[in-house]
């Protein structure tokens, strides 16, 4: 694996050239942190707040969510106020296949997922789910997000407590009743067993490589959408896994 694994671009060569023109030298620049290109906000679905969202006890809680390529999912939650850590990784499969090469086959049962640690006094589990459905992922596409295909890119929620499971089930039912999307919601609530952190080069990828074409086209618009749709929960300085130079 290289530091910038091959991800498909959503469009063809002409779209790629447009991205390069817009962002200057984004494909060749290689400092620790490149300047972040300016992008417009991505799609925002005006979903309602959860009707059922009891506060969790304590000052720290953990959520595990899958919403396609973990670069963008991690990047969004690193910018959420109250989140203390967001780690890219794998959930849904076994330890022996919890690596990027194997998961990429689509046959391991794993989803690319993000483990989110947060302070429930500052942000609730229900709010994290609301952000997920509003700006992170399309819950109506089965085993697909953007240009990525395969079961590893499914949308899934892995509740870590019975209370989280109840909140997730109630919220998806609420969203189905609200008919926020024309197509059916296919996001699955799956049993949580264990989370496996992804390889180091995947961590903080959006923060370290904001000019990477896949990030510019698919993920930076999600950060802007978060800022626009949830200004009170947006924190400009991301909570990174590793120190960023």
Protein backbone atom coordinates (compact mmCIF):
# COMPACT_ATOMS: atom_id res chain seq x y z
CA UNK A 1 0.00 0.00 0.00
CA UNK A 2 1.14 3.52 -0.70
CA UNK A 3 0.38 6.65 1.28
CA UNK A 4 -2.34 7.54 -1.21
CA UNK A 5 -4.21 4.31 -2.07
CA UNK A 6 -5.99 4.22 -5.38
CA UNK A 7 -9.59 5.39 -5.11
CA UNK A 8 -11.80 5.76 -8.21
CA UNK A 9 -12.78 9.25 -9.27
CA UNK A 10 -16.49 9.75 -9.65
CA UNK A 11 -16.15 11.25 -13.07
CA UNK A 12 -13.94 10.69 -16.08
CA UNK A 13 -10.82 12.33 -17.36
CA UNK A 14 -12.46 15.64 -18.24
CA UNK A 15 -13.90 16.05 -14.73
CA UNK A 16 -10.52 15.20 -13.26
CA UNK A 17 -8.88 17.91 -15.35
CA UNK A 18 -11.45 20.41 -14.15
CA UNK A 19 -10.66 19.51 -10.56
CA UNK A 20 -6.96 19.93 -11.18
CA UNK A 21 -7.52 23.30 -12.77
CA UNK A 22 -9.68 24.44 -9.87
CA UNK A 23 -7.28 23.30 -7.17
CA UNK A 24 -4.01 24.19 -8.87
CA UNK A 25 -1.36 21.57 -8.21
CA UNK A 26 -3.42 19.41 -5.88
CA UNK A 27 -2.37 16.10 -7.46
CA UNK A 28 1.35 16.81 -7.21
CA UNK A 29 1.62 18.78 -3.99
CA UNK A 30 2.91 16.62 -1.13
CA UNK A 31 3.48 18.51 2.13
CA UNK A 32 2.14 17.13 5.42
CA UNK A 33 -0.92 19.32 5.06
CA UNK A 34 -1.77 20.97 1.74
CA UNK A 35 -4.01 24.03 1.44
CA UNK A 36 -7.67 23.07 1.42
CA UNK A 37 -9.44 23.85 -1.87
CA UNK A 38 -12.61 25.91 -1.70
CA UNK A 39 -15.72 23.86 -2.48
CA UNK A 40 -19.47 24.35 -2.33
CA UNK A 41 -21.51 22.49 0.30
CA UNK A 42 -22.62 19.01 -0.67
CA UNK A 43 -26.21 17.78 -0.51
CA UNK A 44 -28.07 18.52 2.72
CA UNK A 45 -31.17 16.52 3.60
CA UNK A 46 -33.35 18.41 6.06
CA UNK A 47 -34.03 15.54 8.41
CA UNK A 48 -35.88 16.10 11.71
CA UNK A 49 -34.22 15.80 15.09
CA UNK A 50 -34.79 12.40 16.72
CA UNK A 51 -37.97 12.18 18.77
CA UNK A 52 -36.25 9.67 21.06
CA UNK A 53 -32.75 10.69 22.14
CA UNK A 54 -32.14 10.19 25.88
CA UNK A 55 -28.89 11.50 27.25
CA UNK A 56 -26.26 8.84 27.89
CA UNK A 57 -24.61 8.65 31.30
CA UNK A 58 -21.05 9.76 31.91
CA UNK A 59 -18.69 12.05 30.03
CA UNK A 60 -17.64 9.71 27.23
CA UNK A 61 -19.49 7.38 24.89
CA UNK A 62 -18.69 5.50 21.69
CA UNK A 63 -20.56 5.25 18.40
CA UNK A 64 -19.64 3.11 15.40
CA UNK A 65 -21.05 4.13 12.01
CA UNK A 66 -20.42 3.07 8.41
CA UNK A 67 -21.24 5.38 5.53
CA UNK A 68 -19.09 4.49 2.54
CA UNK A 69 -15.41 5.40 2.25
CA UNK A 70 -14.20 6.07 5.78
CA UNK A 71 -12.03 9.02 4.74
CA UNK A 72 -15.01 11.33 4.44
CA UNK A 73 -17.00 9.88 7.34
CA UNK A 74 -14.03 10.33 9.65
CA UNK A 75 -13.42 13.83 8.29
CA UNK A 76 -16.96 14.98 9.02
CA UNK A 77 -17.05 13.71 12.60
CA UNK A 78 -13.61 15.14 13.34
CA UNK A 79 -15.29 18.52 12.85
CA UNK A 80 -18.24 17.88 15.17
CA UNK A 81 -18.26 19.73 18.48
CA UNK A 82 -18.26 17.26 21.37
CA UNK A 83 -16.42 14.56 19.42
CA UNK A 84 -13.09 13.75 21.05
CA UNK A 85 -11.88 11.15 18.57
CA UNK A 86 -12.90 9.68 15.21
CA UNK A 87 -10.93 6.64 14.01
CA UNK A 88 -11.25 4.96 10.61
CA UNK A 89 -11.49 1.19 10.65
CA UNK A 90 -13.52 -1.92 9.99
CA UNK A 91 -16.60 -3.45 11.62
CA UNK A 92 -18.84 -6.40 10.89
CA UNK A 93 -16.25 -9.07 10.11
CA UNK A 94 -13.49 -11.11 11.72
CA UNK A 95 -10.07 -10.07 12.99
CA UNK A 96 -8.13 -12.01 10.36
CA UNK A 97 -9.73 -10.05 7.53
CA UNK A 98 -9.66 -6.61 9.16
CA UNK A 99 -7.23 -5.07 6.68
CA UNK A 100 -7.68 -2.87 3.64
CA UNK A 101 -6.57 -5.47 1.10
CA UNK A 102 -9.04 -8.08 2.34
CA UNK A 103 -11.94 -5.73 3.03
CA UNK A 104 -11.59 -4.35 -0.49
CA UNK A 105 -12.71 -7.72 -1.88
CA UNK A 106 -16.21 -7.10 -0.53
CA UNK A 107 -16.42 -10.63 0.82
CA UNK A 108 -15.28 -10.25 4.44
CA UNK A 109 -18.49 -8.95 6.03
CA UNK A 110 -16.63 -5.83 7.12
CA UNK A 111 -17.79 -2.33 6.37
CA UNK A 112 -15.46 0.62 6.27
CA UNK A 113 -16.54 2.26 9.51
CA UNK A 114 -15.62 5.02 11.94
CA UNK A 115 -15.41 4.74 15.71
CA UNK A 116 -16.53 8.01 17.27
CA UNK A 117 -15.73 8.90 20.87
CA UNK A 118 -17.77 11.80 22.19
CA UNK A 119 -18.97 13.65 25.26
CA UNK A 120 -22.76 13.06 25.54
CA UNK A 121 -23.01 16.26 27.55
CA UNK A 122 -22.02 18.17 24.40
CA UNK A 123 -23.48 16.08 21.59
CA UNK A 124 -26.04 13.28 21.78
CA UNK A 125 -26.02 9.97 19.97
CA UNK A 126 -29.18 11.02 18.18
CA UNK A 127 -27.49 14.18 16.93
CA UNK A 128 -24.60 12.11 15.56
CA UNK A 129 -27.16 10.01 13.67
CA UNK A 130 -28.94 13.12 12.43
CA UNK A 131 -25.65 14.45 11.04
CA UNK A 132 -25.04 11.08 9.40
CA UNK A 133 -28.36 11.07 7.56
CA UNK A 134 -28.28 14.79 6.74
CA UNK A 135 -24.81 15.25 5.27
CA UNK A 136 -22.62 12.12 5.51
CA UNK A 137 -24.23 9.34 3.49
CA UNK A 138 -27.13 8.45 1.22
CA UNK A 139 -29.12 5.81 3.14
CA UNK A 140 -31.06 4.73 0.04
CA UNK A 141 -28.21 3.22 -2.00
CA UNK A 142 -27.48 -0.43 -1.25
CA UNK A 143 -23.78 -1.30 -0.97
CA UNK A 144 -22.85 1.92 -2.74
CA UNK A 145 -21.79 5.45 -1.88
CA UNK A 146 -20.68 7.87 -4.57
CA UNK A 147 -18.19 6.14 -6.88
CA UNK A 148 -17.59 3.22 -4.50
CA UNK A 149 -19.30 -0.15 -4.91
CA UNK A 150 -19.35 -3.23 -2.69
CA UNK A 151 -20.75 -4.36 0.65
CA UNK A 152 -17.80 -2.73 2.42
CA UNK A 153 -19.34 0.62 1.41
CA UNK A 154 -22.79 -0.07 2.85
CA UNK A 155 -24.45 2.30 5.26
CA UNK A 156 -24.74 0.67 8.66
CA UNK A 157 -25.10 1.58 12.31
CA UNK A 158 -23.40 -0.58 14.93
CA UNK A 159 -24.96 0.33 18.30
CA UNK A 160 -22.57 -0.21 21.20
CA UNK A 161 -25.30 -0.22 23.88
CA UNK A 162 -28.96 -1.26 24.09
CA UNK A 163 -29.91 2.40 24.46
CA UNK A 164 -28.13 3.29 21.22
CA UNK A 165 -29.91 0.44 19.46
CA UNK A 166 -33.29 1.73 20.63
CA UNK A 167 -32.45 5.27 19.49
CA UNK A 168 -31.25 4.08 16.07
CA UNK A 169 -34.30 1.88 15.47
CA UNK A 170 -36.70 4.63 16.50
CA UNK A 171 -34.94 7.25 14.39
CA UNK A 172 -34.91 5.18 11.21
CA UNK A 173 -38.61 4.47 11.73
CA UNK A 174 -39.18 8.20 12.22
CA UNK A 175 -37.28 9.05 9.02
CA UNK A 176 -39.25 6.48 7.06
CA UNK A 177 -42.48 8.06 8.26
CA UNK A 178 -41.16 11.53 7.39
CA UNK A 179 -40.33 10.34 3.85
CA UNK A 180 -37.21 12.46 3.69
CA UNK A 181 -36.10 10.47 0.62
CA UNK A 182 -38.14 9.23 -2.32
CA UNK A 183 -36.38 5.85 -2.24
CA UNK A 184 -36.52 3.42 0.72
CA UNK A 185 -33.92 3.62 3.49
CA UNK A 186 -31.62 0.59 3.29
CA UNK A 187 -29.26 1.51 6.15
CA UNK A 188 -28.85 -1.52 8.39
CA UNK A 189 -28.62 -1.68 12.17
CA UNK A 190 -26.06 -4.40 12.77
CA UNK A 191 -24.87 -6.19 15.87
CA UNK A 192 -21.65 -4.67 17.17
CA UNK A 193 -18.92 -7.13 18.02
CA UNK A 194 -15.59 -5.38 17.64
CA UNK A 195 -14.05 -2.42 15.87
CA UNK A 196 -10.67 -2.80 14.15
CA UNK A 197 -8.68 0.41 13.49
CA UNK A 198 -7.56 0.83 9.91
CA UNK A 199 -3.97 1.16 8.79
CA UNK A 200 -2.16 4.31 9.88
CA UNK A 201 -2.02 5.78 6.37
CA UNK A 202 -5.83 5.92 6.30
CA UNK A 203 -6.09 7.91 9.53
CA UNK A 204 -6.68 11.67 9.15
CA UNK A 205 -6.53 11.21 5.38
CA UNK A 206 -8.90 14.07 4.61
CA UNK A 207 -7.01 16.39 6.95
CA UNK A 208 -3.59 15.44 5.57
CA UNK A 209 -4.58 15.28 1.90
CA UNK A 210 -7.37 17.83 1.36
CA UNK A 211 -6.22 18.38 -2.23
CA UNK A 212 -6.44 14.69 -3.19
CA UNK A 213 -8.94 14.61 -6.09
CA UNK A 214 -11.22 11.98 -4.52
CA UNK A 215 -11.39 14.08 -1.34
CA UNK A 216 -12.01 17.34 -3.22
CA UNK A 217 -14.91 15.92 -5.19
CA UNK A 218 -16.54 13.54 -2.71
CA UNK A 219 -15.67 14.56 0.83
CA UNK A 220 -14.82 18.25 1.26
CA UNK A 221 -18.39 19.16 0.23
CA UNK A 222 -19.60 17.10 3.21
CA UNK A 223 -17.50 19.22 5.57
CA UNK A 224 -19.01 22.37 4.09
CA UNK A 225 -22.48 20.85 4.34
CA UNK A 226 -21.86 20.15 8.03
CA UNK A 227 -20.80 23.75 8.58
CA UNK A 228 -23.90 25.09 6.84
CA UNK A 229 -26.48 22.65 8.22
CA UNK A 230 -25.16 22.32 11.79
CA UNK A 231 -23.34 25.56 12.65
CA UNK A 232 -23.71 25.08 16.40
CA UNK A 233 -22.02 21.68 16.18
CA UNK A 234 -19.28 22.63 13.73
CA UNK A 235 -15.76 22.97 15.08
CA UNK A 236 -13.23 24.43 12.68
CA UNK A 237 -10.22 22.68 14.18
CA UNK A 238 -10.58 18.91 13.66
CA UNK A 239 -9.85 16.31 16.32
CA UNK A 240 -7.14 14.26 14.63
CA UNK A 241 -5.90 10.76 15.47
CA UNK A 242 -2.25 11.76 15.05
CA UNK A 243 -0.53 15.14 15.37
CA UNK A 244 -0.65 16.99 12.07
CA UNK A 245 2.51 18.87 11.12
